[in-house]
């Protein structure tokens, strides 16, 4: 992630000020740091996407947060992690809309793209460690494949995958998305692990199917 992320206490303080409307400058202070952070994050994650789309998604996610700050739970993840998830979600929605309107996304089967789909030792036929592969050092070809995989997920799986991509390890956020937050913790952990394993295997198959 970009190095401009401030400390967690600072993020929590700004969130509380925005939530409680106790500081008229809190959102401006947050945006001053968060906007370039989010734009850089999206540009790195979606290298083939036009910069103005990344900028629009970053702005939109900040506005959405400002309109409903109570939706963010600081006990589960940092504010910047939450904003990264939101910005990624907004950008993917914009890309989906563009695709539906007939403006094609990058197609990894196109001959012009194929030269970038380099073979990578970490993408052998056997399952790989998703956490290690998504440690921020993914190549351009890996990012293309990841983008194509993510845009084809259903709503629930996309939300789960966004948590994985943002390094969320706690069970609760996944359980809430799966609708099992009221189940016993052991059952939550079992179902969450099953869902994460399924997504990891799906991504593995997708990559193996499209690599040269």
Protein backbone atom coordinates (compact mmCIF):
# COMPACT_ATOMS: atom_id res chain seq x y z
CA UNK A 1 0.00 0.00 0.00
CA UNK A 2 1.15 3.59 -0.49
CA UNK A 3 3.44 4.89 2.26
CA UNK A 4 1.28 7.96 2.89
CA UNK A 5 -1.12 6.17 5.22
CA UNK A 6 -1.18 7.92 8.63
CA UNK A 7 -1.18 6.11 11.96
CA UNK A 8 -4.23 4.18 13.10
CA UNK A 9 -4.84 6.50 16.10
CA UNK A 10 -4.91 9.49 13.74
CA UNK A 11 -7.36 7.72 11.45
CA UNK A 12 -9.60 6.78 14.38
CA UNK A 13 -9.54 10.34 15.70
CA UNK A 14 -10.53 11.81 12.32
CA UNK A 15 -13.31 9.27 11.98
CA UNK A 16 -14.71 10.16 15.39
CA UNK A 17 -14.54 13.87 14.59
CA UNK A 18 -16.36 13.32 11.31
CA UNK A 19 -18.90 10.96 12.89
CA UNK A 20 -19.63 13.32 15.77
CA UNK A 21 -19.32 16.46 13.63
CA UNK A 22 -17.02 17.86 16.30
CA UNK A 23 -14.51 19.40 13.92
CA UNK A 24 -15.45 21.39 10.80
CA UNK A 25 -12.05 20.69 9.24
CA UNK A 26 -11.79 16.95 9.99
CA UNK A 27 -13.04 15.77 6.60
CA UNK A 28 -10.79 18.23 4.76
CA UNK A 29 -7.81 16.98 6.79
CA UNK A 30 -8.74 13.39 6.02
CA UNK A 31 -9.22 14.08 2.32
CA UNK A 32 -5.90 15.87 2.05
CA UNK A 33 -4.09 12.65 2.95
CA UNK A 34 -6.59 10.05 1.80
CA UNK A 35 -7.25 11.30 -1.74
CA UNK A 36 -3.68 11.03 -3.09
CA UNK A 37 -3.29 7.76 -1.14
CA UNK A 38 -6.37 6.27 -2.78
CA UNK A 39 -5.48 7.50 -6.26
CA UNK A 40 -2.00 6.00 -5.98
CA UNK A 41 -3.46 2.76 -4.64
CA UNK A 42 -5.93 2.44 -7.52
CA UNK A 43 -3.36 3.36 -10.15
CA UNK A 44 -1.06 0.67 -8.81
CA UNK A 45 -3.81 -1.95 -8.53
CA UNK A 46 -5.35 -1.16 -11.94
CA UNK A 47 -2.37 -0.26 -14.09
CA UNK A 48 -4.31 -0.52 -17.35
CA UNK A 49 -7.17 1.76 -16.26
CA UNK A 50 -7.25 5.45 -17.23
CA UNK A 51 -6.10 7.78 -14.47
CA UNK A 52 -9.26 9.87 -14.47
CA UNK A 53 -11.33 6.78 -13.60
CA UNK A 54 -9.07 6.12 -10.61
CA UNK A 55 -9.36 9.73 -9.52
CA UNK A 56 -13.16 9.70 -9.85
CA UNK A 57 -13.47 6.47 -7.84
CA UNK A 58 -11.24 7.87 -5.09
CA UNK A 59 -13.31 11.06 -4.85
CA UNK A 60 -16.59 9.16 -4.94
CA UNK A 61 -15.58 6.83 -2.11
CA UNK A 62 -14.63 9.76 0.12
CA UNK A 63 -17.95 11.48 -0.56
CA UNK A 64 -19.83 8.25 0.17
CA UNK A 65 -17.96 7.84 3.44
CA UNK A 66 -18.63 11.45 4.44
CA UNK A 67 -22.34 10.97 3.80
CA UNK A 68 -22.56 7.88 6.02
CA UNK A 69 -19.50 7.59 8.32
CA UNK A 70 -21.47 5.37 10.70
CA UNK A 71 -21.11 2.48 8.25
CA UNK A 72 -17.40 2.25 9.09
CA UNK A 73 -16.46 0.12 12.10
CA UNK A 74 -12.98 1.10 13.41
CA UNK A 75 -12.82 -2.08 15.49
CA UNK A 76 -12.58 -4.23 12.38
CA UNK A 77 -10.05 -2.43 10.19
CA UNK A 78 -8.40 0.94 9.68
CA UNK A 79 -10.24 3.81 8.01
CA UNK A 80 -7.80 3.86 5.11
CA UNK A 81 -8.28 0.11 4.55
CA UNK A 82 -12.02 0.71 4.53
CA UNK A 83 -11.62 3.55 2.03
CA UNK A 84 -9.37 1.41 -0.18
CA UNK A 85 -12.07 -1.27 -0.24
CA UNK A 86 -14.70 1.33 -1.08
CA UNK A 87 -12.60 2.95 -3.81
CA UNK A 88 -11.82 -0.42 -5.39
CA UNK A 89 -15.51 -1.28 -5.29
CA UNK A 90 -16.47 2.03 -6.91
CA UNK A 91 -13.88 1.61 -9.64
CA UNK A 92 -14.96 -1.95 -10.39
CA UNK A 93 -18.56 -0.78 -10.62
CA UNK A 94 -17.49 1.91 -13.08
CA UNK A 95 -15.61 -0.67 -15.14
CA UNK A 96 -18.62 -2.99 -15.08
CA UNK A 97 -20.84 -0.15 -16.28
CA UNK A 98 -18.40 0.68 -19.06
CA UNK A 99 -18.35 -2.97 -20.07
CA UNK A 100 -22.15 -3.11 -20.20
CA UNK A 101 -22.18 0.03 -22.34
CA UNK A 102 -19.92 -1.63 -24.87
CA UNK A 103 -16.58 -0.13 -23.88
CA UNK A 104 -14.43 -3.25 -23.52
CA UNK A 105 -12.13 -3.84 -20.59
CA UNK A 106 -8.69 -5.25 -21.15
CA UNK A 107 -9.06 -8.73 -22.59
CA UNK A 108 -6.21 -11.00 -21.57
CA UNK A 109 -6.94 -13.19 -24.61
CA UNK A 110 -6.11 -10.34 -26.99
CA UNK A 111 -2.87 -10.89 -28.98
CA UNK A 112 -1.63 -7.43 -28.01
CA UNK A 113 -1.91 -8.31 -24.35
CA UNK A 114 -0.50 -11.84 -24.56
CA UNK A 115 3.18 -10.75 -24.55
CA UNK A 116 2.66 -9.27 -21.09
CA UNK A 117 1.29 -12.52 -19.67
CA UNK A 118 4.68 -13.79 -18.64
CA UNK A 119 5.12 -17.16 -16.99
CA UNK A 120 5.70 -16.86 -13.26
CA UNK A 121 7.10 -19.54 -10.95
CA UNK A 122 4.52 -18.66 -8.30
CA UNK A 123 1.68 -19.56 -10.69
CA UNK A 124 2.36 -23.24 -11.23
CA UNK A 125 -0.54 -25.68 -11.51
CA UNK A 126 -0.50 -26.45 -7.79
CA UNK A 127 -2.30 -24.07 -5.42
CA UNK A 128 -0.29 -21.05 -4.32
CA UNK A 129 -0.40 -18.87 -1.21
CA UNK A 130 -2.75 -16.01 -1.99
CA UNK A 131 -1.38 -13.82 0.80
CA UNK A 132 2.15 -14.14 -0.56
CA UNK A 133 1.08 -13.47 -4.14
CA UNK A 134 -0.84 -10.34 -3.14
CA UNK A 135 1.90 -8.80 -1.01
CA UNK A 136 2.11 -5.75 -3.24
CA UNK A 137 4.70 -7.09 -5.68
CA UNK A 138 2.32 -8.43 -8.33
CA UNK A 139 3.50 -7.90 -11.90
CA UNK A 140 1.49 -6.03 -14.51
CA UNK A 141 0.31 -9.30 -16.06
CA UNK A 142 -0.82 -10.57 -12.65
CA UNK A 143 -2.73 -7.35 -12.07
CA UNK A 144 -4.50 -7.77 -15.40
CA UNK A 145 -5.54 -11.30 -14.51
CA UNK A 146 -6.63 -10.23 -11.03
CA UNK A 147 -8.76 -7.43 -12.47
CA UNK A 148 -10.45 -9.78 -14.93
CA UNK A 149 -11.07 -12.37 -12.23
CA UNK A 150 -12.54 -9.83 -9.82
CA UNK A 151 -14.95 -8.25 -12.31
CA UNK A 152 -16.57 -11.65 -12.90
CA UNK A 153 -17.35 -12.36 -9.25
CA UNK A 154 -20.86 -12.08 -7.87
CA UNK A 155 -21.62 -9.39 -5.30
CA UNK A 156 -20.97 -11.49 -2.19
CA UNK A 157 -17.78 -13.09 -3.49
CA UNK A 158 -16.48 -9.70 -4.58
CA UNK A 159 -16.99 -8.29 -1.09
CA UNK A 160 -15.22 -11.30 0.41
CA UNK A 161 -12.37 -10.98 -2.08
CA UNK A 162 -11.95 -7.29 -1.32
CA UNK A 163 -11.45 -8.17 2.34
CA UNK A 164 -8.81 -10.73 1.35
CA UNK A 165 -7.05 -8.22 -0.89
CA UNK A 166 -6.95 -5.69 1.93
CA UNK A 167 -5.40 -8.17 4.34
CA UNK A 168 -8.42 -8.48 6.65
CA UNK A 169 -7.95 -11.60 8.76
CA UNK A 170 -10.65 -11.20 11.40
CA UNK A 171 -13.61 -13.55 11.03
CA UNK A 172 -16.34 -11.00 11.80
CA UNK A 173 -16.29 -8.95 8.56
CA UNK A 174 -16.46 -12.12 6.45
CA UNK A 175 -19.23 -13.57 8.62
CA UNK A 176 -21.31 -10.42 8.21
CA UNK A 177 -21.04 -10.60 4.42
CA UNK A 178 -21.97 -14.30 4.49
CA UNK A 179 -24.95 -13.56 6.73
CA UNK A 180 -23.78 -15.82 9.56
CA UNK A 181 -22.76 -13.19 12.11
CA UNK A 182 -25.20 -14.65 14.65
CA UNK A 183 -23.90 -18.21 14.31
CA UNK A 184 -21.52 -19.75 16.87
CA UNK A 185 -17.95 -18.54 16.37
CA UNK A 186 -16.73 -22.03 15.49
CA UNK A 187 -19.29 -22.26 12.71
CA UNK A 188 -18.38 -18.76 11.51
CA UNK A 189 -14.70 -19.68 11.29
CA UNK A 190 -15.49 -22.89 9.44
CA UNK A 191 -17.73 -21.19 6.87
CA UNK A 192 -15.36 -18.25 6.41
CA UNK A 193 -12.41 -20.58 5.85
CA UNK A 194 -14.45 -22.57 3.35
CA UNK A 195 -15.39 -19.43 1.44
CA UNK A 196 -11.82 -18.10 1.40
CA UNK A 197 -10.48 -21.47 0.25
CA UNK A 198 -13.07 -21.58 -2.52
CA UNK A 199 -12.09 -18.13 -3.76
CA UNK A 200 -8.40 -19.00 -3.63
CA UNK A 201 -8.97 -22.17 -5.65
CA UNK A 202 -11.12 -20.28 -8.14
CA UNK A 203 -8.39 -17.68 -8.61
CA UNK A 204 -5.79 -20.43 -9.01
CA UNK A 205 -7.84 -22.11 -11.73
CA UNK A 206 -8.48 -18.77 -13.44
CA UNK A 207 -4.78 -17.92 -13.53
CA UNK A 208 -3.72 -21.36 -14.71
CA UNK A 209 -6.36 -21.21 -17.43
CA UNK A 210 -5.12 -17.87 -18.79
CA UNK A 211 -1.38 -17.99 -18.35
CA UNK A 212 0.76 -18.79 -21.39
